[in-house]
N, C-alpha and C. Protein backbone atom coordinates (compact mmCIF):
# COMPACT_ATOMS: atom_id res chain seq x y z
N MET A 1 22.54 -25.87 -55.19
CA MET A 1 21.63 -27.16 -55.33
C MET A 1 21.47 -27.65 -53.95
N ALA A 2 22.82 -28.42 -52.84
CA ALA A 2 22.64 -28.91 -52.02
C ALA A 2 22.13 -27.66 -51.24
N VAL A 3 22.32 -26.98 -50.64
CA VAL A 3 21.77 -26.02 -50.12
C VAL A 3 20.30 -25.83 -50.09
N THR A 4 19.62 -25.75 -51.54
CA THR A 4 17.94 -25.52 -51.72
C THR A 4 17.50 -26.96 -51.12
N THR A 5 18.04 -28.45 -51.73
CA THR A 5 17.81 -29.17 -50.87
C THR A 5 17.59 -29.68 -49.32
N VAL A 6 18.89 -28.94 -48.53
CA VAL A 6 18.44 -29.24 -47.76
C VAL A 6 17.58 -28.63 -46.69
N THR A 7 17.33 -27.09 -47.06
CA THR A 7 16.57 -25.68 -46.49
C THR A 7 15.20 -26.65 -46.89
N ALA A 8 15.01 -27.40 -48.03
CA ALA A 8 13.42 -27.78 -48.60
C ALA A 8 13.43 -29.06 -47.33
N LEU A 9 14.04 -29.65 -46.93
CA LEU A 9 14.00 -30.65 -46.48
C LEU A 9 13.72 -30.67 -44.81
N THR A 10 14.72 -29.42 -44.34
CA THR A 10 14.20 -29.45 -42.92
C THR A 10 13.67 -27.82 -42.54
N ARG A 11 13.12 -27.28 -43.71
CA ARG A 11 12.30 -26.15 -42.72
C ARG A 11 10.90 -26.68 -43.45
N PRO A 12 9.82 -26.16 -42.77
CA PRO A 12 8.66 -27.19 -43.03
C PRO A 12 8.02 -26.35 -43.85
N PRO A 13 7.20 -26.68 -45.14
CA PRO A 13 6.91 -26.01 -46.29
C PRO A 13 6.37 -24.61 -46.03
N GLU A 14 5.19 -23.98 -44.51
CA GLU A 14 4.58 -23.31 -44.59
C GLU A 14 5.61 -22.28 -43.93
N ASP A 15 6.83 -22.75 -43.51
CA ASP A 15 7.81 -21.93 -42.77
C ASP A 15 7.92 -20.70 -44.03
N HIS A 16 7.63 -19.39 -44.06
CA HIS A 16 7.82 -18.63 -44.99
C HIS A 16 8.57 -17.15 -43.89
N TYR A 17 9.29 -17.45 -42.85
CA TYR A 17 10.30 -16.40 -41.48
C TYR A 17 10.86 -15.17 -42.91
N TYR A 18 11.39 -15.44 -43.56
CA TYR A 18 12.64 -14.98 -44.27
C TYR A 18 11.69 -13.82 -45.13
N GLU A 19 10.97 -14.68 -45.85
CA GLU A 19 10.16 -13.93 -47.37
C GLU A 19 9.61 -13.01 -46.51
N ASP A 20 8.40 -13.33 -45.36
CA ASP A 20 7.69 -12.38 -44.52
C ASP A 20 8.46 -11.24 -44.36
N LEU A 21 9.42 -11.55 -43.41
CA LEU A 21 10.00 -10.56 -42.64
C LEU A 21 10.72 -9.53 -44.21
N LEU A 22 11.22 -9.78 -45.43
CA LEU A 22 11.82 -9.29 -46.36
C LEU A 22 10.61 -8.43 -46.85
N SER A 23 9.13 -9.13 -46.73
CA SER A 23 8.38 -7.86 -47.32
C SER A 23 7.93 -7.01 -46.73
N ARG A 24 8.28 -6.79 -45.03
CA ARG A 24 8.16 -5.55 -44.41
C ARG A 24 8.98 -4.79 -44.68
N TYR A 25 10.12 -4.53 -45.43
CA TYR A 25 10.54 -3.59 -45.64
C TYR A 25 10.50 -1.98 -45.23
N GLY A 26 9.33 -2.09 -46.15
CA GLY A 26 8.96 -0.97 -46.07
C GLY A 26 8.41 -0.22 -44.66
N GLN A 27 7.99 -1.24 -43.71
CA GLN A 27 7.19 -0.93 -42.49
C GLN A 27 8.89 -0.23 -41.54
N THR A 28 9.92 -1.30 -41.49
CA THR A 28 11.35 -0.73 -41.53
C THR A 28 11.89 0.51 -42.00
N ARG A 29 11.59 0.97 -42.81
CA ARG A 29 11.80 2.00 -43.59
C ARG A 29 10.75 3.24 -43.03
N GLN A 30 10.16 3.02 -42.20
CA GLN A 30 9.49 4.20 -41.26
C GLN A 30 10.16 4.35 -39.99
N PHE A 31 10.77 3.54 -39.50
CA PHE A 31 11.74 3.61 -37.75
C PHE A 31 13.15 4.12 -38.63
N LEU A 32 13.76 3.32 -39.34
CA LEU A 32 15.39 3.34 -39.82
C LEU A 32 16.00 4.27 -39.79
N PRO A 33 15.16 5.17 -40.54
CA PRO A 33 15.91 6.55 -40.90
C PRO A 33 16.42 7.48 -39.31
N THR A 34 15.24 7.60 -38.69
CA THR A 34 15.43 7.79 -37.34
C THR A 34 15.82 7.21 -36.33
N LEU A 35 16.02 5.94 -36.34
CA LEU A 35 16.80 5.39 -35.69
C LEU A 35 18.42 5.71 -35.57
N LEU A 36 18.94 5.50 -36.93
CA LEU A 36 20.04 5.83 -37.37
C LEU A 36 20.64 7.30 -37.31
N ARG A 37 19.97 8.31 -36.87
CA ARG A 37 19.55 9.53 -36.86
C ARG A 37 19.94 9.95 -35.32
N ILE A 38 19.17 9.19 -34.55
CA ILE A 38 19.47 9.73 -33.23
C ILE A 38 20.25 9.17 -32.52
N VAL A 39 20.16 7.88 -32.71
CA VAL A 39 20.54 6.98 -31.72
C VAL A 39 22.35 6.27 -31.72
N SER A 40 22.85 6.64 -30.84
CA SER A 40 24.27 6.61 -30.71
C SER A 40 24.75 5.35 -30.22
N PHE A 41 25.05 4.42 -30.98
CA PHE A 41 25.48 2.87 -30.32
C PHE A 41 27.12 2.98 -29.94
N GLU A 42 27.82 2.14 -28.90
CA GLU A 42 28.87 2.15 -28.88
C GLU A 42 28.92 0.38 -28.21
N GLY A 43 30.14 0.16 -28.02
CA GLY A 43 30.57 -1.31 -27.68
C GLY A 43 31.70 -1.76 -27.46
N THR A 44 31.95 -3.06 -27.41
CA THR A 44 33.02 -3.72 -26.95
C THR A 44 33.58 -3.96 -27.82
N ALA A 45 35.10 -4.50 -27.88
CA ALA A 45 35.66 -5.37 -29.36
C ALA A 45 35.03 -6.38 -30.15
N ALA A 46 34.10 -7.13 -29.11
CA ALA A 46 33.22 -8.12 -29.77
C ALA A 46 31.67 -7.73 -30.55
N GLY A 47 31.53 -6.45 -30.11
CA GLY A 47 30.43 -5.70 -30.86
C GLY A 47 30.74 -5.16 -31.99
N ARG A 48 32.07 -5.10 -32.20
CA ARG A 48 32.87 -3.94 -33.45
C ARG A 48 32.20 -4.73 -34.69
N PRO A 49 31.84 -5.48 -35.50
CA PRO A 49 31.37 -5.71 -36.59
C PRO A 49 30.04 -5.50 -36.49
N VAL A 50 28.98 -5.07 -35.62
CA VAL A 50 27.67 -4.51 -35.52
C VAL A 50 28.08 -3.29 -35.57
N LEU A 51 28.74 -2.65 -35.08
CA LEU A 51 28.88 -1.08 -35.00
C LEU A 51 29.41 -0.74 -36.38
N ASP A 52 29.91 -1.39 -37.13
CA ASP A 52 30.26 -1.46 -38.31
C ASP A 52 29.40 -1.25 -39.48
N ALA A 53 28.61 -2.29 -39.28
CA ALA A 53 27.74 -2.43 -40.10
C ALA A 53 26.43 -1.61 -39.95
N VAL A 54 26.16 -0.54 -38.99
CA VAL A 54 25.53 0.38 -38.55
C VAL A 54 25.90 1.51 -39.15
N ALA A 55 27.24 1.86 -38.83
CA ALA A 55 27.70 3.23 -39.29
C ALA A 55 27.81 2.87 -40.90
N PHE A 56 27.53 1.28 -41.66
CA PHE A 56 27.15 1.71 -42.92
C PHE A 56 26.17 1.96 -43.23
N LEU A 57 25.20 1.65 -42.85
CA LEU A 57 23.25 1.85 -42.88
C LEU A 57 23.62 3.06 -42.80
N ARG A 58 24.10 4.20 -41.73
CA ARG A 58 24.11 5.06 -41.38
C ARG A 58 24.81 6.02 -42.97
N ARG A 59 25.54 5.98 -43.31
CA ARG A 59 26.11 6.35 -44.52
C ARG A 59 25.48 6.30 -45.54
N ILE A 60 24.78 5.36 -45.94
CA ILE A 60 24.25 4.97 -46.87
C ILE A 60 22.95 5.54 -47.21
N GLU A 61 22.26 5.76 -45.76
CA GLU A 61 20.63 6.38 -45.76
C GLU A 61 20.59 7.57 -46.68
N GLY A 62 19.34 7.56 -46.93
CA GLY A 62 18.50 8.55 -47.87
C GLY A 62 19.31 8.19 -49.42
N GLN A 63 20.28 7.29 -50.15
CA GLN A 63 21.02 7.32 -51.39
C GLN A 63 19.91 6.07 -51.94
N ARG A 64 19.58 6.13 -52.87
CA ARG A 64 18.28 5.52 -53.89
C ARG A 64 18.93 4.65 -54.31
N LYS A 65 20.11 4.96 -54.63
CA LYS A 65 21.14 3.57 -55.07
C LYS A 65 22.42 3.46 -54.33
N PRO A 66 22.82 3.08 -53.49
CA PRO A 66 24.22 3.47 -53.28
C PRO A 66 25.33 2.25 -53.32
N ASP A 67 26.57 2.79 -53.60
CA ASP A 67 27.34 1.61 -53.86
C ASP A 67 27.62 0.59 -52.52
N ILE A 68 27.40 -0.31 -52.56
CA ILE A 68 27.23 -1.38 -51.48
C ILE A 68 28.35 -2.72 -51.46
N SER A 69 29.42 -1.94 -52.17
CA SER A 69 30.57 -3.21 -52.97
C SER A 69 31.33 -3.13 -51.44
N ASP A 70 31.70 -1.97 -50.51
CA ASP A 70 32.30 -1.95 -49.71
C ASP A 70 31.11 -2.18 -48.34
N THR A 71 30.35 -3.05 -48.63
CA THR A 71 29.89 -3.82 -47.54
C THR A 71 30.47 -4.52 -45.92
N PRO A 72 30.42 -3.77 -44.94
CA PRO A 72 31.20 -4.94 -43.64
C PRO A 72 30.14 -6.23 -44.20
N ARG A 73 30.98 -7.06 -43.74
CA ARG A 73 30.11 -8.11 -43.86
C ARG A 73 30.79 -9.18 -43.07
N GLY A 74 31.31 -8.45 -41.72
CA GLY A 74 31.24 -9.58 -40.68
C GLY A 74 30.46 -9.64 -39.75
N VAL A 75 29.23 -8.72 -40.06
CA VAL A 75 28.10 -8.98 -39.38
C VAL A 75 27.69 -10.41 -39.67
N VAL A 76 27.24 -10.27 -40.82
CA VAL A 76 26.52 -11.81 -41.90
C VAL A 76 27.17 -13.26 -41.50
N THR A 77 26.18 -13.66 -40.22
CA THR A 77 26.05 -14.94 -40.12
C THR A 77 25.73 -15.82 -41.15
N ARG A 78 26.35 -17.30 -40.87
CA ARG A 78 26.13 -18.34 -41.77
C ARG A 78 24.22 -18.31 -41.92
N ASP A 79 23.30 -18.32 -41.29
CA ASP A 79 21.92 -18.31 -41.24
C ASP A 79 21.66 -16.99 -42.28
N TRP A 80 22.34 -15.73 -42.03
CA TRP A 80 21.58 -14.92 -42.57
C TRP A 80 22.31 -14.58 -44.27
N ARG A 81 23.20 -15.93 -44.59
CA ARG A 81 23.99 -15.02 -46.02
C ARG A 81 23.18 -15.47 -47.22
N SER A 82 22.37 -16.37 -46.98
CA SER A 82 21.44 -16.66 -48.11
C SER A 82 20.57 -15.33 -48.59
N LEU A 83 20.41 -14.91 -47.83
CA LEU A 83 19.43 -13.62 -47.73
C LEU A 83 20.38 -12.19 -48.18
N VAL A 84 21.28 -12.12 -47.71
CA VAL A 84 22.72 -10.83 -47.94
C VAL A 84 22.84 -11.23 -49.25
N GLN A 85 23.71 -12.37 -49.80
CA GLN A 85 24.78 -12.30 -50.88
C GLN A 85 23.74 -13.13 -51.81
N ASP A 86 24.05 -12.76 -53.09
CA ASP A 86 23.24 -13.35 -54.12
C ASP A 86 24.53 -14.79 -54.26
N ALA A 87 24.87 -15.30 -55.57
CA ALA A 87 25.30 -16.01 -56.08
C ALA A 87 26.93 -15.37 -56.48
N ASP A 88 26.75 -13.96 -57.16
CA ASP A 88 27.74 -13.45 -57.35
C ASP A 88 28.78 -12.52 -56.43
N ASN A 89 28.08 -13.13 -55.08
CA ASN A 89 28.52 -12.24 -54.08
C ASN A 89 28.10 -10.67 -53.54
N ARG A 90 27.23 -10.66 -54.40
CA ARG A 90 26.77 -8.89 -54.35
C ARG A 90 25.43 -9.23 -53.38
N VAL A 91 25.52 -7.93 -52.57
CA VAL A 91 24.81 -7.52 -51.58
C VAL A 91 23.39 -7.48 -51.83
N ASP A 92 22.58 -7.43 -51.16
CA ASP A 92 20.87 -7.23 -51.17
C ASP A 92 21.11 -6.34 -49.82
N ARG A 93 20.47 -4.92 -50.22
CA ARG A 93 20.41 -4.45 -49.46
C ARG A 93 19.34 -4.68 -48.58
N HIS A 94 18.07 -4.79 -48.68
CA HIS A 94 17.00 -5.66 -47.74
C HIS A 94 17.57 -5.99 -46.63
N GLY A 95 17.99 -7.10 -47.44
CA GLY A 95 18.59 -8.34 -46.40
C GLY A 95 19.56 -7.99 -45.52
N TYR A 96 20.55 -7.48 -46.21
CA TYR A 96 21.15 -6.95 -45.09
C TYR A 96 21.09 -6.00 -44.13
N THR A 97 20.22 -5.09 -44.25
CA THR A 97 19.64 -4.17 -43.62
C THR A 97 18.57 -5.22 -41.87
N PHE A 98 18.04 -6.28 -42.20
CA PHE A 98 17.57 -7.13 -41.58
C PHE A 98 18.39 -7.81 -41.14
N CYS A 99 19.42 -8.62 -41.31
CA CYS A 99 20.65 -8.96 -40.72
C CYS A 99 21.31 -8.08 -40.01
N VAL A 100 21.35 -6.56 -40.22
CA VAL A 100 22.15 -6.03 -39.38
C VAL A 100 21.24 -5.36 -37.90
N LEU A 101 20.11 -5.42 -38.13
CA LEU A 101 18.89 -5.14 -37.04
C LEU A 101 18.99 -6.40 -36.24
N ASP A 102 19.06 -7.74 -37.05
CA ASP A 102 18.91 -8.61 -35.77
C ASP A 102 20.23 -8.69 -35.22
N ARG A 103 21.20 -8.85 -36.01
CA ARG A 103 22.33 -8.71 -35.07
C ARG A 103 22.55 -7.72 -33.93
N LEU A 104 22.01 -6.23 -34.56
CA LEU A 104 22.07 -5.39 -33.54
C LEU A 104 21.47 -5.67 -32.12
N ARG A 105 20.17 -6.40 -32.64
CA ARG A 105 19.29 -6.70 -31.29
C ARG A 105 20.04 -8.19 -30.17
N ASP A 106 20.87 -8.91 -30.99
CA ASP A 106 21.59 -9.62 -30.18
C ASP A 106 22.40 -8.68 -29.65
N GLY A 107 23.51 -8.32 -30.24
CA GLY A 107 24.97 -7.03 -29.66
C GLY A 107 23.45 -6.54 -28.33
N LEU A 108 22.59 -5.73 -28.32
CA LEU A 108 22.28 -5.18 -27.34
C LEU A 108 22.17 -5.95 -26.34
N ARG A 109 21.47 -7.34 -26.19
CA ARG A 109 21.13 -8.14 -25.57
C ARG A 109 22.80 -8.85 -24.61
N ARG A 110 23.52 -8.92 -26.00
CA ARG A 110 24.38 -9.45 -24.81
C ARG A 110 25.43 -8.45 -24.09
N HIS A 111 25.27 -7.07 -24.45
CA HIS A 111 25.99 -5.88 -23.98
C HIS A 111 27.52 -5.87 -24.30
N ASP A 112 27.15 -6.23 -25.99
CA ASP A 112 28.63 -6.05 -26.57
C ASP A 112 28.17 -5.09 -27.21
N VAL A 113 27.01 -4.49 -27.50
CA VAL A 113 26.86 -3.10 -28.10
C VAL A 113 25.81 -2.58 -27.22
N PHE A 114 25.87 -0.67 -27.06
CA PHE A 114 24.75 -0.42 -25.79
C PHE A 114 24.67 1.03 -26.19
N VAL A 115 24.07 1.60 -25.89
CA VAL A 115 23.28 2.62 -25.65
C VAL A 115 23.63 3.74 -24.62
N THR A 116 24.25 4.77 -24.77
CA THR A 116 24.42 5.82 -23.55
C THR A 116 23.62 6.78 -24.04
N PRO A 117 23.15 8.00 -22.78
CA PRO A 117 22.85 7.02 -21.71
C PRO A 117 21.37 6.33 -21.82
N SER A 118 21.86 5.29 -20.98
CA SER A 118 20.61 4.15 -21.31
C SER A 118 20.47 3.33 -19.31
N GLU A 119 19.31 3.34 -19.56
CA GLU A 119 19.39 2.32 -17.78
C GLU A 119 19.91 0.80 -18.42
N ARG A 120 19.34 0.38 -19.17
CA ARG A 120 18.41 -0.85 -19.98
C ARG A 120 19.76 -1.44 -20.68
N TRP A 121 19.96 -0.42 -21.60
CA TRP A 121 21.05 -0.92 -22.81
C TRP A 121 22.35 -0.52 -22.47
N ALA A 122 22.78 0.24 -21.34
CA ALA A 122 23.83 0.87 -21.13
C ALA A 122 25.35 -0.32 -21.26
N ALA A 123 26.10 0.26 -21.14
CA ALA A 123 27.06 -0.73 -20.95
C ALA A 123 27.31 -1.44 -19.56
N SER A 124 27.17 -2.74 -19.29
CA SER A 124 27.31 -3.15 -18.21
C SER A 124 28.65 -2.75 -17.33
N ARG A 125 29.45 -3.15 -17.86
CA ARG A 125 30.94 -2.90 -17.71
C ARG A 125 31.22 -1.92 -16.93
N ALA A 126 30.29 -0.73 -17.18
CA ALA A 126 30.77 0.73 -16.48
C ALA A 126 30.47 0.97 -15.47
N LYS A 127 29.05 -0.07 -15.00
CA LYS A 127 28.88 0.33 -13.32
C LYS A 127 29.87 -0.73 -12.37
N LEU A 128 31.11 -1.33 -12.81
CA LEU A 128 31.76 -1.88 -11.76
C LEU A 128 33.21 -0.94 -11.62
N LEU A 129 33.04 -1.08 -10.31
CA LEU A 129 34.23 -0.56 -9.36
C LEU A 129 35.67 -0.53 -10.19
N HIS A 130 36.13 0.49 -9.97
CA HIS A 130 37.43 0.45 -10.72
C HIS A 130 38.60 1.38 -9.79
N GLY A 131 39.88 0.62 -9.82
CA GLY A 131 40.84 1.40 -9.21
C GLY A 131 40.70 1.45 -8.13
N ALA A 132 40.83 2.59 -7.20
CA ALA A 132 40.70 2.85 -5.59
C ALA A 132 39.26 2.53 -4.99
N ALA A 133 38.53 2.71 -5.63
CA ALA A 133 36.89 2.09 -5.25
C ALA A 133 37.03 0.65 -5.13
N TRP A 134 37.23 0.08 -6.18
CA TRP A 134 37.38 -1.55 -6.23
C TRP A 134 38.22 -2.08 -4.94
N GLU A 135 39.76 -1.04 -4.64
CA GLU A 135 40.70 -1.51 -3.91
C GLU A 135 39.88 -1.53 -2.40
N THR A 136 38.91 -0.24 -2.21
CA THR A 136 38.33 -0.23 -0.78
C THR A 136 37.53 -1.16 -0.81
N ALA A 137 36.56 -1.47 -1.48
CA ALA A 137 35.68 -2.22 -1.55
C ALA A 137 35.74 -3.97 -1.41
N ARG A 138 36.65 -4.26 -1.96
CA ARG A 138 37.52 -5.97 -2.34
C ARG A 138 37.20 -6.37 -0.71
N PRO A 139 38.00 -5.73 0.31
CA PRO A 139 37.93 -6.83 1.58
C PRO A 139 36.38 -7.01 1.95
N ASN A 140 35.49 -6.01 1.92
CA ASN A 140 34.21 -6.09 2.40
C ASN A 140 33.65 -7.27 1.63
N ILE A 141 33.94 -7.23 0.23
CA ILE A 141 33.28 -8.19 -0.78
C ILE A 141 33.65 -9.61 -0.17
N TRP A 142 34.79 -9.58 0.11
CA TRP A 142 35.62 -10.95 0.33
C TRP A 142 34.63 -11.64 1.54
N ARG A 143 34.60 -10.50 2.35
CA ARG A 143 34.07 -11.11 3.37
C ARG A 143 32.71 -11.34 3.42
N ALA A 144 32.04 -10.64 2.59
CA ALA A 144 30.66 -10.97 2.33
C ALA A 144 30.29 -12.30 1.54
N LEU A 145 31.04 -12.74 0.69
CA LEU A 145 31.29 -13.82 0.08
C LEU A 145 31.59 -15.09 0.75
N GLY A 146 31.98 -14.73 1.70
CA GLY A 146 32.81 -16.00 2.66
C GLY A 146 34.18 -16.53 2.05
N ARG A 147 34.82 -15.67 1.41
CA ARG A 147 35.89 -16.13 0.66
C ARG A 147 37.08 -15.50 1.40
N SER A 148 38.78 -15.62 1.11
CA SER A 148 39.99 -15.27 2.16
C SER A 148 40.47 -14.33 0.69
N ALA A 149 41.05 -13.34 1.29
CA ALA A 149 41.84 -12.49 0.50
C ALA A 149 43.06 -12.89 0.00
N ASP A 150 43.57 -14.25 0.77
CA ASP A 150 44.95 -14.81 0.66
C ASP A 150 44.73 -15.91 -0.63
N PRO A 151 45.42 -15.45 -1.48
CA PRO A 151 45.00 -16.61 -2.95
C PRO A 151 45.46 -17.78 -2.35
N GLU A 152 46.45 -18.16 -1.37
CA GLU A 152 46.70 -19.57 -1.40
C GLU A 152 46.03 -20.41 -0.71
N VAL A 153 45.29 -19.54 0.47
CA VAL A 153 44.13 -20.77 1.14
C VAL A 153 42.75 -20.59 0.25
N GLU A 154 42.44 -19.65 -0.65
CA GLU A 154 41.60 -19.76 -1.99
C GLU A 154 41.90 -21.26 -2.52
N THR A 155 43.32 -21.36 -3.17
CA THR A 155 43.44 -21.85 -4.14
C THR A 155 43.28 -23.38 -3.11
N ARG A 156 43.45 -23.85 -2.26
CA ARG A 156 42.96 -25.20 -1.37
C ARG A 156 42.24 -25.66 -1.13
N THR A 157 40.72 -24.69 -1.26
CA THR A 157 39.47 -25.15 -1.00
C THR A 157 38.83 -25.19 -2.27
């Protein structure tokens, strides 16, 4: 009751974003099976909930009435909860799908989730120098940044 009242007071009456979104589930179904079948997502520890949710969608793809009792809910944020879960804590497949896609988009932007091979959506950390290559380049980088290799000097500045 309180959530309904707060929602009614804070969201303008003409704001039907989530209802409009859910009404477009049919359009999403036109690309989702191909996306899940073709694109392989990887990620950091921060992207794990999204990767688990995408793997779940991949597993239930093509099933008319899948068992969604074991849906990974780590991806469901407070904003999405009312569209994903009902009062009995049951998951709505349409709401969950949109929630996962929204969180996937966020993960790609933050680089917590990435696609390989890809220039734009690849793991940004993979391009960093490691090991001997970093040790070789480090003095030149410090010089270019006007910094000292001596930690004592750096802590005094």
